[in-house]
Amino acid sequence: MPPRSPATTRPSEEGDERLLIEAAQADPRRFTALYERHFDRIYAFVARRVQIRGEAEDLTAEVFHNALANLGRFEWRGAPFAAWLLRIARNVLADRWQRASRELVPDGGGEEVDEQVQVDRRAMLSRLVSQLPADQQRVIVERFVEQKSIREIAIGFGRTEGAVKQLQFRALETLRARMGHIHE
């Protein structure tokens, strides 16, 4: 008997999920079943990356709002629906961190000036990361913003852990060099 490949969902679960997706695409009111099925996983993903409970709840709501708004464009390709939701969650978190890095702290006392310097540094770093090649940028965001392990990133990329480490190394070297030029 040939060895079975590991699967995240059984065929019957996969078919059920596909039917739920098709039903929700036809009638958005049917999205509730998908929401209930995936809420805990998406909330846990967001909450691990955001320390404030209310913010995690708001961001999770935004993920499902975006999913519902874009459900018509979802195409079944055999990957779990949760993978699509997690990609939306990563994008929502990345947008949040970019907005946070651009927010300005009001002028005033010494502590606020220190905070302003930190905000400026984060904004500069965000700009430098956005200039990296797409693969390197994704590794930096997933590794240091989303705090994923090398293994998790490698699985997401479909590459070896060594390849991901090399991408991370090149990205960090590029960032160090560019930051050095800015401070000269």
C-alpha atoms as a PDB file:
ATOM      1  CA  MET A   1       0.000   0.000   0.000  1.00  0.00           C
ATOM      2  CA  PRO A   2       1.520   3.394  -0.954  1.00  0.00           C
ATOM      3  CA  PRO A   3       2.259   5.760   1.932  1.00  0.00           C
ATOM      4  CA  ARG A   4      -0.366   8.396   2.595  1.00  0.00           C
ATOM      5  CA  SER A   5       0.635  12.021   2.425  1.00  0.00           C
ATOM      6  CA  PRO A   6      -0.231  14.006   5.523  1.00  0.00           C
ATOM      7  CA  ALA A   7      -3.370  16.058   5.120  1.00  0.00           C
ATOM      8  CA  THR A   8      -4.715  18.878   7.230  1.00  0.00           C
ATOM      9  CA  THR A   9      -8.320  17.980   6.486  1.00  0.00           C
ATOM     10  CA  ARG A  10     -10.042  14.749   5.588  1.00  0.00           C
ATOM     11  CA  PRO A  11     -11.712  14.550   2.180  1.00  0.00           C
ATOM     12  CA  SER A  12     -15.209  14.682   3.678  1.00  0.00           C
ATOM     13  CA  GLU A  13     -14.290  17.788   5.716  1.00  0.00           C
ATOM     14  CA  GLU A  14     -12.767  19.341   2.602  1.00  0.00           C
ATOM     15  CA  GLY A  15     -15.977  18.703   0.642  1.00  0.00           C
ATOM     16  CA  ASP A  16     -18.085  20.090   3.483  1.00  0.00           C
ATOM     17  CA  GLU A  17     -15.982  23.223   3.598  1.00  0.00           C
ATOM     18  CA  ARG A  18     -16.203  23.652  -0.150  1.00  0.00           C
ATOM     19  CA  LEU A  19     -19.991  23.406   0.055  1.00  0.00           C
ATOM     20  CA  LEU A  20     -20.038  25.992   2.851  1.00  0.00           C
ATOM     21  CA  ILE A  21     -17.913  28.353   0.763  1.00  0.00           C
ATOM     22  CA  GLU A  22     -20.101  27.936  -2.302  1.00  0.00           C
ATOM     23  CA  ALA A  23     -23.225  28.515  -0.207  1.00  0.00           C
ATOM     24  CA  ALA A  24     -21.736  31.678   1.302  1.00  0.00           C
ATOM     25  CA  GLN A  25     -20.714  32.935  -2.130  1.00  0.00           C
ATOM     26  CA  ALA A  26     -24.283  32.487  -3.319  1.00  0.00           C
ATOM     27  CA  ASP A  27     -25.819  33.970  -0.143  1.00  0.00           C
ATOM     28  CA  PRO A  28     -23.552  36.066   2.129  1.00  0.00           C
ATOM     29  CA  ARG A  29     -25.851  35.312   5.091  1.00  0.00           C
ATOM     30  CA  ARG A  30     -24.476  31.741   4.970  1.00  0.00           C
ATOM     31  CA  PHE A  31     -20.982  33.052   5.821  1.00  0.00           C
ATOM     32  CA  THR A  32     -21.840  32.521   9.502  1.00  0.00           C
ATOM     33  CA  ALA A  33     -20.982  28.814   9.263  1.00  0.00           C
ATOM     34  CA  LEU A  34     -17.490  29.622   7.953  1.00  0.00           C
ATOM     35  CA  TYR A  35     -17.057  32.329  10.579  1.00  0.00           C
ATOM     36  CA  GLU A  36     -17.968  29.960  13.414  1.00  0.00           C
ATOM     37  CA  ARG A  37     -15.759  27.195  12.035  1.00  0.00           C
ATOM     38  CA  HIS A  38     -12.634  29.389  11.779  1.00  0.00           C
ATOM     39  CA  PHE A  39     -13.074  32.119  14.388  1.00  0.00           C
ATOM     40  CA  ASP A  40     -11.031  30.465  17.157  1.00  0.00           C
ATOM     41  CA  ARG A  41      -8.054  29.774  14.906  1.00  0.00           C
ATOM     42  CA  ILE A  42      -7.974  33.262  13.399  1.00  0.00           C
ATOM     43  CA  TYR A  43      -8.472  34.950  16.772  1.00  0.00           C
ATOM     44  CA  ALA A  44      -5.641  32.871  18.289  1.00  0.00           C
ATOM     45  CA  PHE A  45      -3.361  33.801  15.366  1.00  0.00           C
ATOM     46  CA  VAL A  46      -4.073  37.518  15.811  1.00  0.00           C
ATOM     47  CA  ALA A  47      -3.996  37.438  19.629  1.00  0.00           C
ATOM     48  CA  ARG A  48      -0.503  35.870  19.618  1.00  0.00           C
ATOM     49  CA  ARG A  49       0.722  38.904  17.711  1.00  0.00           C
ATOM     50  CA  VAL A  50      -1.255  41.643  19.458  1.00  0.00           C
ATOM     51  CA  GLN A  51      -1.009  42.074  23.215  1.00  0.00           C
ATOM     52  CA  ILE A  52      -4.223  44.036  23.776  1.00  0.00           C
ATOM     53  CA  ARG A  53      -7.372  41.898  23.822  1.00  0.00           C
ATOM     54  CA  GLY A  54      -9.686  44.579  22.434  1.00  0.00           C
ATOM     55  CA  GLU A  55      -7.300  45.232  19.571  1.00  0.00           C
ATOM     56  CA  ALA A  56      -7.079  41.500  18.807  1.00  0.00           C
ATOM     57  CA  GLU A  57     -10.869  41.359  18.706  1.00  0.00           C
ATOM     58  CA  ASP A  58     -11.071  44.390  16.411  1.00  0.00           C
ATOM     59  CA  LEU A  59      -8.434  42.995  14.053  1.00  0.00           C
ATOM     60  CA  THR A  60     -10.121  39.583  13.973  1.00  0.00           C
ATOM     61  CA  ALA A  61     -13.390  41.294  13.081  1.00  0.00           C
ATOM     62  CA  GLU A  62     -11.560  43.154  10.313  1.00  0.00           C
ATOM     63  CA  VAL A  63     -10.190  39.855   8.967  1.00  0.00           C
ATOM     64  CA  PHE A  64     -13.660  38.351   8.701  1.00  0.00           C
ATOM     65  CA  HIS A  65     -15.092  41.579   7.288  1.00  0.00           C
ATOM     66  CA  ASN A  66     -12.426  41.531   4.554  1.00  0.00           C
ATOM     67  CA  ALA A  67     -13.045  37.822   3.944  1.00  0.00           C
ATOM     68  CA  LEU A  68     -16.774  38.369   3.526  1.00  0.00           C
ATOM     69  CA  ALA A  69     -16.214  41.392   1.285  1.00  0.00           C
ATOM     70  CA  ASN A  70     -13.852  39.387  -0.955  1.00  0.00           C
ATOM     71  CA  LEU A  71     -15.534  35.978  -0.760  1.00  0.00           C
ATOM     72  CA  GLY A  72     -16.814  36.315  -4.312  1.00  0.00           C
ATOM     73  CA  ARG A  73     -13.221  36.397  -5.561  1.00  0.00           C
ATOM     74  CA  PHE A  74     -12.192  33.299  -3.574  1.00  0.00           C
ATOM     75  CA  GLU A  75     -11.405  30.350  -5.835  1.00  0.00           C
ATOM     76  CA  TRP A  76     -11.281  26.823  -4.475  1.00  0.00           C
ATOM     77  CA  ARG A  77      -7.855  25.370  -5.240  1.00  0.00           C
ATOM     78  CA  GLY A  78      -7.787  22.532  -2.738  1.00  0.00           C
ATOM     79  CA  ALA A  79      -6.015  24.495  -0.005  1.00  0.00           C
ATOM     80  CA  PRO A  80      -7.907  24.882   3.260  1.00  0.00           C
ATOM     81  CA  PHE A  81     -10.091  27.974   3.551  1.00  0.00           C
ATOM     82  CA  ALA A  82      -8.199  28.724   6.782  1.00  0.00           C
ATOM     83  CA  ALA A  83      -5.043  29.362   4.732  1.00  0.00           C
ATOM     84  CA  TRP A  84      -6.848  32.129   2.844  1.00  0.00           C
ATOM     85  CA  LEU A  85      -8.127  33.596   6.108  1.00  0.00           C
ATOM     86  CA  LEU A  86      -4.628  33.488   7.618  1.00  0.00           C
ATOM     87  CA  ARG A  87      -3.254  35.356   4.599  1.00  0.00           C
ATOM     88  CA  ILE A  88      -5.900  38.029   5.128  1.00  0.00           C
ATOM     89  CA  ALA A  89      -4.979  38.144   8.831  1.00  0.00           C
ATOM     90  CA  ARG A  90      -1.271  38.616   7.971  1.00  0.00           C
ATOM     91  CA  ASN A  91      -2.190  41.486   5.659  1.00  0.00           C
ATOM     92  CA  VAL A  92      -4.440  43.114   8.279  1.00  0.00           C
ATOM     93  CA  LEU A  93      -1.642  42.868  10.858  1.00  0.00           C
ATOM     94  CA  ALA A  94       0.951  44.238   8.431  1.00  0.00           C
ATOM     95  CA  ASP A  95      -1.342  47.182   7.608  1.00  0.00           C
ATOM     96  CA  ARG A  96      -1.831  47.840  11.326  1.00  0.00           C
ATOM     97  CA  TRP A  97       1.915  47.864  11.981  1.00  0.00           C
ATOM     98  CA  GLN A  98       2.550  50.153   9.037  1.00  0.00           C
ATOM     99  CA  ARG A  99      -0.116  52.578  10.272  1.00  0.00           C
ATOM    100  CA  ALA A 100       1.327  52.446  13.780  1.00  0.00           C
ATOM    101  CA  SER A 101       4.815  53.191  12.499  1.00  0.00           C
ATOM    102  CA  ARG A 102       3.539  56.286  10.663  1.00  0.00           C
ATOM    103  CA  GLU A 103       1.543  57.723  13.557  1.00  0.00           C
ATOM    104  CA  LEU A 104       3.108  60.813  15.026  1.00  0.00           C
ATOM    105  CA  VAL A 105       3.481  61.389  18.737  1.00  0.00           C
ATOM    106  CA  PRO A 106       2.409  64.895  19.892  1.00  0.00           C
ATOM    107  CA  ASP A 107       5.200  67.380  20.606  1.00  0.00           C
ATOM    108  CA  GLY A 108       5.855  68.116  24.241  1.00  0.00           C
ATOM    109  CA  GLY A 109       7.935  66.637  27.024  1.00  0.00           C
ATOM    110  CA  GLY A 110      11.150  64.626  26.890  1.00  0.00           C
ATOM    111  CA  GLU A 111       9.466  61.234  26.953  1.00  0.00           C
ATOM    112  CA  GLU A 112       7.335  62.185  23.960  1.00  0.00           C
ATOM    113  CA  VAL A 113      10.447  63.281  22.064  1.00  0.00           C
ATOM    114  CA  ASP A 114      12.045  59.872  22.766  1.00  0.00           C
ATOM    115  CA  GLU A 115       8.853  58.205  21.555  1.00  0.00           C
ATOM    116  CA  GLN A 116       8.934  60.380  18.435  1.00  0.00           C
ATOM    117  CA  VAL A 117      12.496  59.261  17.736  1.00  0.00           C
ATOM    118  CA  GLN A 118      11.383  55.636  18.086  1.00  0.00           C
ATOM    119  CA  VAL A 119       8.420  56.213  15.782  1.00  0.00           C
ATOM    120  CA  ASP A 120      10.712  57.867  13.225  1.00  0.00           C
ATOM    121  CA  ARG A 121      13.140  54.946  13.416  1.00  0.00           C
ATOM    122  CA  ARG A 122      10.310  52.443  12.952  1.00  0.00           C
ATOM    123  CA  ALA A 123       9.018  54.414   9.975  1.00  0.00           C
ATOM    124  CA  MET A 124      12.498  54.482   8.427  1.00  0.00           C
ATOM    125  CA  LEU A 125      12.904  50.751   9.019  1.00  0.00           C
ATOM    126  CA  SER A 126       9.473  50.116   7.495  1.00  0.00           C
ATOM    127  CA  ARG A 127      10.486  52.094   4.391  1.00  0.00           C
ATOM    128  CA  LEU A 128      13.764  50.172   4.120  1.00  0.00           C
ATOM    129  CA  VAL A 129      12.002  46.813   4.492  1.00  0.00           C
ATOM    130  CA  SER A 130       9.490  47.810   1.801  1.00  0.00           C
ATOM    131  CA  GLN A 131      12.431  48.348  -0.582  1.00  0.00           C
ATOM    132  CA  LEU A 132      13.710  44.779  -0.175  1.00  0.00           C
ATOM    133  CA  PRO A 133      12.947  42.109  -2.789  1.00  0.00           C
ATOM    134  CA  ALA A 134       9.534  40.553  -2.180  1.00  0.00           C
ATOM    135  CA  ASP A 135      10.825  37.239  -0.745  1.00  0.00           C
ATOM    136  CA  GLN A 136      13.212  38.985   1.650  1.00  0.00           C
ATOM    137  CA  GLN A 137      10.523  41.461   2.682  1.00  0.00           C
ATOM    138  CA  ARG A 138       8.090  38.637   3.411  1.00  0.00           C
ATOM    139  CA  VAL A 139      10.672  36.748   5.492  1.00  0.00           C
ATOM    140  CA  ILE A 140      11.455  39.860   7.578  1.00  0.00           C
ATOM    141  CA  VAL A 141       7.784  40.622   8.209  1.00  0.00           C
ATOM    142  CA  GLU A 142       6.879  37.035   9.060  1.00  0.00           C
ATOM    143  CA  ARG A 143       9.979  36.483  11.215  1.00  0.00           C
ATOM    144  CA  PHE A 144      10.174  39.728  13.175  1.00  0.00           C
ATOM    145  CA  VAL A 145       6.713  41.292  12.977  1.00  0.00           C
ATOM    146  CA  GLU A 146       4.571  38.172  13.049  1.00  0.00           C
ATOM    147  CA  GLN A 147       7.205  36.327  15.133  1.00  0.00           C
ATOM    148  CA  LYS A 148       7.013  33.123  13.155  1.00  0.00           C
ATOM    149  CA  SER A 149       9.656  30.432  13.425  1.00  0.00           C
ATOM    150  CA  ILE A 150      11.997  29.660  10.534  1.00  0.00           C
ATOM    151  CA  ARG A 151      10.174  26.352  10.156  1.00  0.00           C
ATOM    152  CA  GLU A 152       6.733  28.018   9.864  1.00  0.00           C
ATOM    153  CA  ILE A 153       8.073  30.425   7.249  1.00  0.00           C
ATOM    154  CA  ALA A 154       9.737  27.612   5.303  1.00  0.00           C
ATOM    155  CA  ILE A 155       6.454  25.697   5.174  1.00  0.00           C
ATOM    156  CA  GLY A 156       4.628  28.822   3.968  1.00  0.00           C
ATOM    157  CA  PHE A 157       7.248  29.420   1.281  1.00  0.00           C
ATOM    158  CA  GLY A 158       7.507  25.771   0.280  1.00  0.00           C
ATOM    159  CA  ARG A 159      11.287  25.992   0.761  1.00  0.00           C
ATOM    160  CA  THR A 160      13.861  24.507   3.091  1.00  0.00           C
ATOM    161  CA  GLU A 161      14.680  26.093   6.419  1.00  0.00           C
ATOM    162  CA  GLY A 162      18.199  26.746   5.099  1.00  0.00           C
ATOM    163  CA  ALA A 163      16.803  28.713   2.152  1.00  0.00           C
ATOM    164  CA  VAL A 164      14.688  30.826   4.491  1.00  0.00           C
ATOM    165  CA  LYS A 165      17.698  31.458   6.757  1.00  0.00           C
ATOM    166  CA  GLN A 166      19.670  32.595   3.720  1.00  0.00           C
ATOM    167  CA  LEU A 167      16.872  34.977   2.668  1.00  0.00           C
ATOM    168  CA  GLN A 168      16.746  36.356   6.213  1.00  0.00           C
ATOM    169  CA  PHE A 169      20.529  36.786   6.313  1.00  0.00           C
ATOM    170  CA  ARG A 170      20.606  38.640   2.981  1.00  0.00           C
ATOM    171  CA  ALA A 171      17.712  40.872   4.027  1.00  0.00           C
ATOM    172  CA  LEU A 172      19.347  41.770   7.355  1.00  0.00           C
ATOM    173  CA  GLU A 173      22.674  42.478   5.662  1.00  0.00           C
ATOM    174  CA  THR A 174      20.954  44.758   3.144  1.00  0.00           C
ATOM    175  CA  LEU A 175      19.098  46.568   5.924  1.00  0.00           C
ATOM    176  CA  ARG A 176      22.308  47.024   7.962  1.00  0.00           C
ATOM    177  CA  ALA A 177      24.113  48.445   4.945  1.00  0.00           C
ATOM    178  CA  ARG A 178      21.297  50.842   4.075  1.00  0.00           C
ATOM    179  CA  MET A 179      20.915  51.980   7.675  1.00  0.00           C
ATOM    180  CA  GLY A 180      24.690  52.550   7.844  1.00  0.00           C
ATOM    181  CA  HIS A 181      24.500  54.809   4.780  1.00  0.00           C
ATOM    182  CA  ILE A 182      21.701  56.822   6.372  1.00  0.00           C
ATOM    183  CA  HIS A 183      23.684  57.437   9.559  1.00  0.00           C
ATOM    184  CA  GLU A 184      26.919  58.448   7.768  1.00  0.00           C
END
